[in-house]
Structures are given as C-alpha cells and as structure tokens.
Amino acid sequence: MERQGRNVVLDIFDYSGNKKCNLYDGTYSGSGQATDVYVCTERNGWRELKFLIPSVIEGANGHEPNYRLNYLKADYRIR
C-alpha cells in the first residue's frame, strides 16, 4: 500500500484574514523558508509551533535580508 503524502503549507495572515506572506510550502525549494517545523504540547496544554528561519537569503544580487522576518509579529496568525 502506497502512503499518500500531504502538502504542508504555513502562511502568515493578519487578523482580518489577509495573507501577508508564505512561511513554508512543502512543494517550494527556494531559500528563506522555515525549517525544522513542528508542534509541541506544553505541560499546561498550550500547543506551540516551533521553527527555524534564516535571517539572510540568497537573492538576485547576492545575500539579502529574509523578508519573511518582517511579518513575524504577535499581531499576525500563522495558519
């Protein structure tokens, strides 16, 4: 039996539901995405999303700041 995989996508949205940027897409192989993404449950029952994200990416003109960091704010949701 062949196992069907899922495409995992994490996007950042504001509280009005407007998409701000993509944080991770399993089908995209470019630089700057989140890595080591996992959900852990704390003892108090809270679930926490953890990931690593590079601060610098390879751009058209060499190394440049990762624009995704501009959207990692407590005011936005990750879905």
N, C-alpha and C. Protein backbone atom coordinates (compact mmCIF):
# COMPACT_ATOMS: atom_id res chain seq x y z
N MET A 1 0.84 -1.18 0.00
CA MET A 1 0.00 0.00 0.00
C MET A 1 0.89 1.24 0.00
N GLU A 2 0.63 2.15 -0.90
CA GLU A 2 1.42 3.36 -1.00
C GLU A 2 0.84 4.44 -0.09
N ARG A 3 1.70 5.09 0.64
CA ARG A 3 1.26 6.13 1.56
C ARG A 3 1.11 7.45 0.82
N GLN A 4 -0.01 8.10 1.00
CA GLN A 4 -0.27 9.41 0.39
C GLN A 4 0.32 10.49 1.29
N GLY A 5 1.13 11.34 0.71
CA GLY A 5 1.70 12.44 1.48
C GLY A 5 0.80 13.66 1.45
N ARG A 6 1.02 14.56 2.37
CA ARG A 6 0.28 15.81 2.41
C ARG A 6 1.22 16.95 2.06
N ASN A 7 0.68 17.94 1.41
CA ASN A 7 1.45 19.15 1.16
C ASN A 7 1.21 20.09 2.34
N VAL A 8 2.24 20.35 3.09
CA VAL A 8 2.13 21.23 4.25
C VAL A 8 2.48 22.64 3.83
N VAL A 9 1.61 23.58 4.18
CA VAL A 9 1.82 24.99 3.86
C VAL A 9 1.55 25.81 5.11
N LEU A 10 2.47 26.72 5.44
CA LEU A 10 2.26 27.68 6.53
C LEU A 10 2.30 29.08 5.92
N ASP A 11 1.24 29.82 6.15
CA ASP A 11 1.16 31.20 5.67
C ASP A 11 0.92 32.13 6.84
N ILE A 12 1.34 33.37 6.71
CA ILE A 12 1.13 34.38 7.75
C ILE A 12 -0.02 35.28 7.30
N PHE A 13 -1.01 35.44 8.18
CA PHE A 13 -2.19 36.25 7.92
C PHE A 13 -2.35 37.30 9.01
N ASP A 14 -2.93 38.45 8.68
CA ASP A 14 -3.31 39.39 9.73
C ASP A 14 -4.66 38.95 10.29
N TYR A 15 -5.15 39.61 11.34
CA TYR A 15 -6.40 39.19 11.97
C TYR A 15 -7.63 39.45 11.12
N SER A 16 -7.49 40.18 10.05
CA SER A 16 -8.60 40.40 9.12
C SER A 16 -8.66 39.28 8.07
N GLY A 17 -7.70 38.37 8.10
CA GLY A 17 -7.68 37.26 7.17
C GLY A 17 -6.92 37.52 5.89
N ASN A 18 -6.19 38.64 5.83
CA ASN A 18 -5.39 38.97 4.65
C ASN A 18 -4.04 38.27 4.73
N LYS A 19 -3.70 37.53 3.68
CA LYS A 19 -2.43 36.83 3.65
C LYS A 19 -1.30 37.84 3.48
N LYS A 20 -0.29 37.73 4.35
CA LYS A 20 0.86 38.62 4.30
C LYS A 20 2.03 38.00 3.56
N CYS A 21 2.35 36.73 3.83
CA CYS A 21 3.42 36.05 3.11
C CYS A 21 3.38 34.57 3.41
N ASN A 22 4.14 33.82 2.62
CA ASN A 22 4.28 32.39 2.81
C ASN A 22 5.46 32.13 3.72
N LEU A 23 5.27 31.28 4.71
CA LEU A 23 6.35 30.94 5.63
C LEU A 23 7.00 29.61 5.26
N TYR A 24 6.16 28.66 4.83
CA TYR A 24 6.69 27.36 4.42
C TYR A 24 5.72 26.71 3.43
N ASP A 25 6.26 26.11 2.39
CA ASP A 25 5.48 25.35 1.42
C ASP A 25 6.30 24.13 1.04
N GLY A 26 5.75 22.95 1.29
CA GLY A 26 6.46 21.70 1.05
C GLY A 26 6.81 21.46 -0.41
N THR A 27 6.16 22.16 -1.34
CA THR A 27 6.44 21.97 -2.75
C THR A 27 7.44 22.99 -3.29
N TYR A 28 7.83 23.96 -2.48
CA TYR A 28 8.74 25.02 -2.90
C TYR A 28 10.14 24.71 -2.41
N SER A 29 11.14 24.88 -3.25
CA SER A 29 12.50 24.54 -2.85
C SER A 29 13.42 25.76 -2.76
N GLY A 30 12.87 26.96 -2.75
CA GLY A 30 13.68 28.17 -2.68
C GLY A 30 14.22 28.42 -1.28
N SER A 31 15.09 29.40 -1.17
CA SER A 31 15.69 29.70 0.13
C SER A 31 14.80 30.63 0.94
N GLY A 32 15.03 30.65 2.24
CA GLY A 32 14.34 31.57 3.12
C GLY A 32 13.14 31.00 3.83
N GLN A 33 12.72 29.80 3.50
CA GLN A 33 11.57 29.20 4.17
C GLN A 33 11.93 28.74 5.57
N ALA A 34 10.90 28.52 6.37
CA ALA A 34 11.08 27.95 7.69
C ALA A 34 11.55 26.51 7.56
N THR A 35 12.36 26.07 8.50
CA THR A 35 12.83 24.68 8.53
C THR A 35 12.58 24.13 9.93
N ASP A 36 12.70 22.83 10.07
CA ASP A 36 12.50 22.16 11.36
C ASP A 36 11.18 22.57 12.01
N VAL A 37 10.11 22.53 11.24
CA VAL A 37 8.79 22.96 11.72
C VAL A 37 8.15 21.81 12.48
N TYR A 38 7.71 22.07 13.71
CA TYR A 38 6.96 21.07 14.45
C TYR A 38 6.09 21.75 15.50
N VAL A 39 5.10 21.00 15.96
CA VAL A 39 4.18 21.47 17.01
C VAL A 39 4.45 20.66 18.25
N CYS A 40 4.62 21.33 19.36
CA CYS A 40 4.82 20.62 20.62
C CYS A 40 3.74 21.07 21.61
N THR A 41 3.40 20.18 22.52
CA THR A 41 2.39 20.48 23.54
C THR A 41 3.08 20.67 24.87
N GLU A 42 2.82 21.79 25.49
CA GLU A 42 3.40 22.09 26.80
C GLU A 42 2.63 21.36 27.89
N ARG A 43 3.17 21.29 29.07
CA ARG A 43 2.51 20.61 30.19
C ARG A 43 1.16 21.24 30.55
N ASN A 44 1.04 22.54 30.33
CA ASN A 44 -0.21 23.22 30.68
C ASN A 44 -1.27 23.08 29.59
N GLY A 45 -0.97 22.35 28.51
CA GLY A 45 -1.94 22.11 27.45
C GLY A 45 -1.80 23.03 26.25
N TRP A 46 -1.03 24.10 26.38
CA TRP A 46 -0.82 25.00 25.24
C TRP A 46 -0.02 24.28 24.17
N ARG A 47 -0.37 24.53 22.93
CA ARG A 47 0.41 23.99 21.82
C ARG A 47 1.24 25.13 21.24
N GLU A 48 2.44 24.79 20.87
CA GLU A 48 3.37 25.79 20.38
C GLU A 48 3.96 25.34 19.05
N LEU A 49 3.97 26.25 18.09
CA LEU A 49 4.58 26.00 16.79
C LEU A 49 6.02 26.48 16.85
N LYS A 50 6.94 25.59 16.53
CA LYS A 50 8.35 25.96 16.56
C LYS A 50 8.95 25.75 15.18
N PHE A 51 9.85 26.64 14.81
CA PHE A 51 10.54 26.51 13.53
C PHE A 51 11.77 27.39 13.54
N LEU A 52 12.65 27.14 12.61
CA LEU A 52 13.82 27.98 12.38
C LEU A 52 13.62 28.70 11.07
N ILE A 53 14.10 29.93 11.00
CA ILE A 53 14.00 30.69 9.76
C ILE A 53 15.30 31.49 9.59
N PRO A 54 15.90 31.41 8.42
CA PRO A 54 17.17 32.12 8.21
C PRO A 54 16.96 33.64 8.14
N SER A 55 17.90 34.38 8.67
CA SER A 55 17.78 35.84 8.63
C SER A 55 18.28 36.42 7.31
N VAL A 56 19.09 35.64 6.58
CA VAL A 56 19.64 36.09 5.30
C VAL A 56 19.34 35.03 4.25
N ILE A 57 18.95 35.49 3.04
CA ILE A 57 18.66 34.56 1.94
C ILE A 57 19.50 34.94 0.72
N GLU A 58 19.56 34.01 -0.21
CA GLU A 58 20.26 34.26 -1.47
C GLU A 58 19.29 34.94 -2.41
N GLY A 59 19.57 36.19 -2.75
CA GLY A 59 18.71 36.95 -3.65
C GLY A 59 19.34 37.14 -5.01
N ALA A 60 18.69 37.91 -5.85
CA ALA A 60 19.18 38.15 -7.21
C ALA A 60 20.53 38.88 -7.19
N ASN A 61 20.76 39.71 -6.18
CA ASN A 61 22.00 40.49 -6.09
C ASN A 61 22.90 40.01 -4.95
N GLY A 62 22.88 38.71 -4.68
CA GLY A 62 23.68 38.17 -3.58
C GLY A 62 22.85 37.98 -2.33
N HIS A 63 23.46 38.09 -1.18
CA HIS A 63 22.76 37.88 0.09
C HIS A 63 21.94 39.12 0.44
N GLU A 64 20.73 38.87 0.95
CA GLU A 64 19.85 39.97 1.37
C GLU A 64 19.02 39.50 2.57
N PRO A 65 18.47 40.43 3.35
CA PRO A 65 17.65 40.05 4.50
C PRO A 65 16.42 39.25 4.06
N ASN A 66 16.03 38.29 4.87
CA ASN A 66 14.84 37.48 4.59
C ASN A 66 13.60 38.32 4.89
N TYR A 67 12.82 38.63 3.87
CA TYR A 67 11.64 39.48 4.02
C TYR A 67 10.59 38.86 4.94
N ARG A 68 10.60 37.55 5.12
CA ARG A 68 9.61 36.89 5.97
C ARG A 68 9.70 37.35 7.42
N LEU A 69 10.90 37.75 7.83
CA LEU A 69 11.07 38.21 9.22
C LEU A 69 10.27 39.46 9.51
N ASN A 70 9.96 40.25 8.48
CA ASN A 70 9.16 41.46 8.68
C ASN A 70 7.73 41.13 9.10
N TYR A 71 7.28 39.91 8.84
CA TYR A 71 5.90 39.53 9.11
C TYR A 71 5.74 38.67 10.35
N LEU A 72 6.82 38.31 11.00
CA LEU A 72 6.71 37.53 12.22
C LEU A 72 6.45 38.46 13.39
N LYS A 73 5.18 38.74 13.61
CA LYS A 73 4.76 39.66 14.66
C LYS A 73 3.67 39.01 15.47
N ALA A 74 3.52 39.43 16.69
CA ALA A 74 2.44 38.90 17.54
C ALA A 74 1.07 39.31 17.00
N ASP A 75 1.03 40.29 16.09
CA ASP A 75 -0.25 40.76 15.54
C ASP A 75 -0.76 39.88 14.42
N TYR A 76 0.00 38.91 13.96
CA TYR A 76 -0.39 38.08 12.82
C TYR A 76 -0.59 36.63 13.24
N ARG A 77 -1.34 35.89 12.43
CA ARG A 77 -1.58 34.47 12.67
C ARG A 77 -0.81 33.66 11.65
N ILE A 78 -0.38 32.49 12.07
CA ILE A 78 0.23 31.52 11.15
C ILE A 78 -0.76 30.38 11.02
N ARG A 79 -1.16 30.12 9.77
CA ARG A 79 -2.12 29.02 9.54
C ARG A 79 -1.53 28.05 8.55
